[in-house]
N, C-alpha and C. Protein backbone atom coordinates (compact mmCIF):
# COMPACT_ATOMS: atom_id res chain seq x y z
N MET A 1 -8.19 7.63 25.25
CA MET A 1 -7.00 7.02 25.83
C MET A 1 -7.23 5.53 26.06
N LYS A 2 -8.42 5.15 26.47
CA LYS A 2 -8.72 3.74 26.71
C LYS A 2 -8.58 2.94 25.42
N ASN A 3 -9.04 3.49 24.30
CA ASN A 3 -8.91 2.82 23.01
C ASN A 3 -7.45 2.56 22.66
N GLU A 4 -6.58 3.55 22.91
CA GLU A 4 -5.16 3.40 22.60
C GLU A 4 -4.54 2.27 23.41
N LYS A 5 -4.87 2.18 24.70
CA LYS A 5 -4.33 1.12 25.56
C LYS A 5 -4.80 -0.24 25.08
N ALA A 6 -6.09 -0.37 24.76
CA ALA A 6 -6.63 -1.64 24.29
C ALA A 6 -5.94 -2.06 23.00
N GLN A 7 -5.65 -1.09 22.15
CA GLN A 7 -5.02 -1.38 20.88
C GLN A 7 -3.60 -1.90 21.07
N THR A 8 -2.85 -1.38 22.04
CA THR A 8 -1.47 -1.80 22.23
C THR A 8 -1.38 -3.14 22.94
N ASP A 9 -2.41 -3.57 23.65
CA ASP A 9 -2.39 -4.84 24.37
C ASP A 9 -2.74 -6.04 23.49
N GLU A 10 -3.28 -5.79 22.30
CA GLU A 10 -3.66 -6.88 21.42
C GLU A 10 -2.43 -7.51 20.79
N ASN A 11 -2.49 -8.84 20.55
CA ASN A 11 -1.41 -9.51 19.84
C ASN A 11 -1.48 -9.15 18.37
N VAL A 12 -0.34 -8.89 17.79
CA VAL A 12 -0.26 -8.53 16.38
C VAL A 12 0.66 -9.53 15.69
N ALA A 13 0.23 -10.06 14.56
CA ALA A 13 1.07 -10.97 13.78
C ALA A 13 1.99 -10.13 12.91
N VAL A 14 3.30 -10.37 13.02
CA VAL A 14 4.29 -9.64 12.22
C VAL A 14 4.95 -10.65 11.29
N ASN A 15 4.96 -10.33 10.00
CA ASN A 15 5.58 -11.20 9.01
C ASN A 15 6.81 -10.51 8.45
N ILE A 16 7.86 -11.28 8.17
CA ILE A 16 9.08 -10.71 7.60
C ILE A 16 9.65 -11.69 6.58
N ASN A 17 10.09 -11.15 5.46
CA ASN A 17 10.79 -11.95 4.47
C ASN A 17 12.28 -11.75 4.71
N LEU A 18 12.95 -12.75 5.27
CA LEU A 18 14.35 -12.63 5.64
C LEU A 18 15.27 -12.46 4.43
N ASP A 19 14.80 -12.85 3.25
CA ASP A 19 15.60 -12.70 2.03
C ASP A 19 15.65 -11.24 1.57
N THR A 20 14.60 -10.49 1.84
CA THR A 20 14.54 -9.10 1.35
C THR A 20 14.58 -8.06 2.47
N THR A 21 14.65 -8.49 3.72
CA THR A 21 14.67 -7.55 4.84
C THR A 21 15.86 -7.88 5.74
N PRO A 22 17.06 -7.46 5.33
CA PRO A 22 18.24 -7.78 6.13
C PRO A 22 18.32 -6.89 7.37
N ILE A 23 19.13 -7.31 8.33
CA ILE A 23 19.46 -6.47 9.47
C ILE A 23 20.62 -5.59 9.02
N LEU A 24 20.44 -4.29 9.09
CA LEU A 24 21.47 -3.36 8.65
C LEU A 24 22.27 -2.90 9.86
N TYR A 25 23.59 -3.08 9.80
CA TYR A 25 24.46 -2.70 10.90
C TYR A 25 24.62 -1.18 10.91
N THR A 26 24.65 -0.61 12.12
CA THR A 26 24.89 0.82 12.25
C THR A 26 25.94 1.08 13.31
N ASP A 27 26.77 2.08 13.05
CA ASP A 27 27.68 2.53 14.09
C ASP A 27 27.57 4.04 14.28
N ASN A 28 26.52 4.63 13.66
CA ASN A 28 26.30 6.06 13.80
C ASN A 28 24.87 6.39 13.42
N ILE A 29 24.25 7.30 14.14
CA ILE A 29 22.91 7.76 13.81
C ILE A 29 22.89 9.28 13.88
N HIS A 30 22.41 9.90 12.83
CA HIS A 30 22.26 11.35 12.80
C HIS A 30 20.78 11.65 12.96
N MET A 31 20.43 12.50 13.93
CA MET A 31 19.02 12.80 14.22
C MET A 31 18.72 14.25 13.88
N THR A 32 17.61 14.46 13.18
CA THR A 32 17.14 15.79 12.83
C THR A 32 15.71 15.93 13.31
N THR A 33 15.39 17.06 13.93
CA THR A 33 14.04 17.28 14.43
C THR A 33 13.52 18.64 13.97
N ASN A 34 12.20 18.73 13.91
CA ASN A 34 11.52 20.01 13.76
C ASN A 34 10.19 19.89 14.50
N GLU A 35 9.31 20.87 14.38
CA GLU A 35 8.07 20.82 15.16
C GLU A 35 7.15 19.68 14.74
N ASP A 36 7.36 19.13 13.53
CA ASP A 36 6.49 18.06 13.04
C ASP A 36 6.96 16.66 13.39
N GLY A 37 8.28 16.48 13.54
CA GLY A 37 8.75 15.12 13.80
C GLY A 37 10.25 14.99 13.86
N VAL A 38 10.68 13.73 13.70
CA VAL A 38 12.08 13.36 13.83
C VAL A 38 12.46 12.50 12.62
N VAL A 39 13.67 12.71 12.11
CA VAL A 39 14.22 11.84 11.07
C VAL A 39 15.53 11.28 11.60
N LEU A 40 15.66 9.95 11.54
CA LEU A 40 16.88 9.26 11.95
C LEU A 40 17.59 8.77 10.68
N ASP A 41 18.80 9.25 10.44
CA ASP A 41 19.63 8.74 9.36
C ASP A 41 20.55 7.71 9.99
N VAL A 42 20.31 6.44 9.70
CA VAL A 42 21.07 5.33 10.27
C VAL A 42 22.24 5.06 9.31
N MET A 43 23.47 5.15 9.85
CA MET A 43 24.64 5.11 8.98
C MET A 43 25.67 4.08 9.45
N GLN A 44 26.58 3.74 8.54
CA GLN A 44 27.73 2.90 8.87
C GLN A 44 28.96 3.48 8.21
N ARG A 45 30.09 3.30 8.89
CA ARG A 45 31.37 3.79 8.34
C ARG A 45 31.77 2.92 7.15
N VAL A 46 32.37 3.57 6.14
CA VAL A 46 32.90 2.85 4.99
C VAL A 46 34.29 3.39 4.70
N GLY A 47 35.28 2.51 4.74
CA GLY A 47 36.64 2.91 4.41
C GLY A 47 37.17 3.99 5.33
N ASN A 48 37.31 5.18 4.81
CA ASN A 48 37.82 6.34 5.53
C ASN A 48 36.97 6.59 6.79
N PRO A 49 37.62 6.77 7.96
CA PRO A 49 36.85 6.99 9.19
C PRO A 49 35.90 8.19 9.14
N ARG A 50 36.13 9.10 8.21
CA ARG A 50 35.26 10.28 8.10
C ARG A 50 34.21 10.12 7.00
N GLN A 51 34.06 8.91 6.49
CA GLN A 51 33.09 8.66 5.42
C GLN A 51 31.99 7.74 5.93
N MET A 52 30.74 8.15 5.77
CA MET A 52 29.58 7.38 6.23
C MET A 52 28.66 7.10 5.05
N ARG A 53 27.93 5.98 5.16
CA ARG A 53 26.91 5.65 4.18
C ARG A 53 25.59 5.49 4.92
N ILE A 54 24.54 6.16 4.47
CA ILE A 54 23.22 5.99 5.07
C ILE A 54 22.66 4.66 4.60
N VAL A 55 22.30 3.78 5.56
CA VAL A 55 21.74 2.47 5.21
C VAL A 55 20.23 2.46 5.36
N SER A 56 19.70 3.44 6.12
CA SER A 56 18.25 3.53 6.30
C SER A 56 17.89 4.91 6.82
N ARG A 57 16.71 5.38 6.45
CA ARG A 57 16.17 6.63 6.99
C ARG A 57 14.82 6.32 7.60
N ILE A 58 14.61 6.78 8.82
CA ILE A 58 13.37 6.51 9.54
C ILE A 58 12.78 7.84 9.99
N GLY A 59 11.54 8.07 9.67
CA GLY A 59 10.85 9.28 10.10
C GLY A 59 9.68 8.93 10.98
N MET A 60 9.43 9.77 11.99
CA MET A 60 8.29 9.54 12.88
C MET A 60 7.85 10.86 13.49
N SER A 61 6.62 10.86 13.98
CA SER A 61 6.09 12.05 14.65
C SER A 61 6.79 12.24 15.99
N ARG A 62 6.70 13.43 16.55
CA ARG A 62 7.30 13.69 17.86
C ARG A 62 6.68 12.80 18.95
N PRO A 63 5.34 12.64 18.99
CA PRO A 63 4.78 11.73 20.01
C PRO A 63 5.27 10.29 19.84
N HIS A 64 5.40 9.82 18.59
CA HIS A 64 5.88 8.47 18.35
C HIS A 64 7.34 8.36 18.80
N ALA A 65 8.16 9.38 18.52
CA ALA A 65 9.56 9.37 18.93
C ALA A 65 9.68 9.28 20.45
N LYS A 66 8.82 9.99 21.17
CA LYS A 66 8.85 9.94 22.64
C LYS A 66 8.51 8.52 23.14
N LYS A 67 7.52 7.89 22.52
CA LYS A 67 7.17 6.51 22.89
C LYS A 67 8.32 5.56 22.57
N PHE A 68 8.97 5.76 21.41
CA PHE A 68 10.10 4.93 21.01
C PHE A 68 11.22 5.01 22.04
N VAL A 69 11.57 6.22 22.46
CA VAL A 69 12.65 6.40 23.44
C VAL A 69 12.28 5.73 24.76
N GLU A 70 11.03 5.88 25.19
CA GLU A 70 10.57 5.26 26.45
C GLU A 70 10.66 3.74 26.37
N LYS A 71 10.14 3.16 25.29
CA LYS A 71 10.13 1.70 25.15
C LYS A 71 11.55 1.15 24.99
N LEU A 72 12.39 1.83 24.23
CA LEU A 72 13.76 1.37 24.05
C LEU A 72 14.51 1.42 25.38
N GLY A 73 14.31 2.47 26.15
CA GLY A 73 14.95 2.57 27.47
C GLY A 73 14.53 1.43 28.38
N LYS A 74 13.24 1.11 28.39
CA LYS A 74 12.75 0.01 29.22
C LYS A 74 13.32 -1.32 28.76
N LEU A 75 13.38 -1.54 27.45
CA LEU A 75 13.92 -2.79 26.90
C LEU A 75 15.39 -2.95 27.25
N LEU A 76 16.17 -1.87 27.11
CA LEU A 76 17.59 -1.95 27.43
C LEU A 76 17.80 -2.21 28.92
N ALA A 77 17.01 -1.57 29.78
CA ALA A 77 17.13 -1.79 31.21
C ALA A 77 16.75 -3.22 31.58
N LEU A 78 15.70 -3.73 30.95
CA LEU A 78 15.21 -5.08 31.23
C LEU A 78 16.21 -6.15 30.81
N THR A 79 16.91 -5.92 29.70
CA THR A 79 17.81 -6.92 29.16
C THR A 79 19.27 -6.66 29.50
N GLU A 80 19.56 -5.70 30.36
CA GLU A 80 20.94 -5.40 30.74
C GLU A 80 21.62 -6.66 31.25
N GLY A 81 22.76 -7.00 30.67
CA GLY A 81 23.51 -8.18 31.09
C GLY A 81 23.06 -9.47 30.43
N ASN A 82 21.95 -9.44 29.70
CA ASN A 82 21.48 -10.64 28.99
C ASN A 82 21.86 -10.53 27.53
N ILE A 83 22.33 -11.62 26.95
CA ILE A 83 22.67 -11.64 25.53
C ILE A 83 21.50 -12.24 24.78
N GLN A 84 20.97 -11.49 23.84
CA GLN A 84 19.87 -11.95 22.99
C GLN A 84 20.44 -12.33 21.65
N SER A 85 20.24 -13.57 21.21
CA SER A 85 20.79 -14.03 19.94
C SER A 85 19.88 -15.06 19.31
N ALA A 86 19.91 -15.08 17.98
CA ALA A 86 19.16 -16.11 17.27
C ALA A 86 19.90 -17.43 17.24
N GLU A 87 21.18 -17.41 17.58
CA GLU A 87 21.97 -18.64 17.58
C GLU A 87 21.73 -19.42 18.85
N LYS A 88 21.79 -20.76 18.72
CA LYS A 88 21.67 -21.62 19.88
C LYS A 88 23.00 -21.64 20.63
N PRO A 89 22.98 -21.69 21.95
CA PRO A 89 24.23 -21.76 22.69
C PRO A 89 25.00 -23.03 22.37
N LYS A 90 26.33 -22.91 22.31
CA LYS A 90 27.17 -24.07 22.01
C LYS A 90 27.49 -24.77 23.32
N ASN A 91 27.34 -26.10 23.33
CA ASN A 91 27.62 -26.90 24.53
C ASN A 91 28.90 -27.69 24.36
């Protein structure tokens, strides 16, 4: 357990190519689980309100999914009422 904590406290360099890694908009997520893990089908509506297109599929283990839910909950609570944007505020 000590190794895991030390590993999460280290700074990690994350690189992204903005030309090939767009932000995909979602207005619906379908979740499927079994004893091995979780699959999230991230979708967006197209045309007909009953028609969806999967824009991404994400799979993770059950322990990873539990950590994800915990961290996302903390992030949402921490940033409640704050707007996070890459744009500079207009004066």
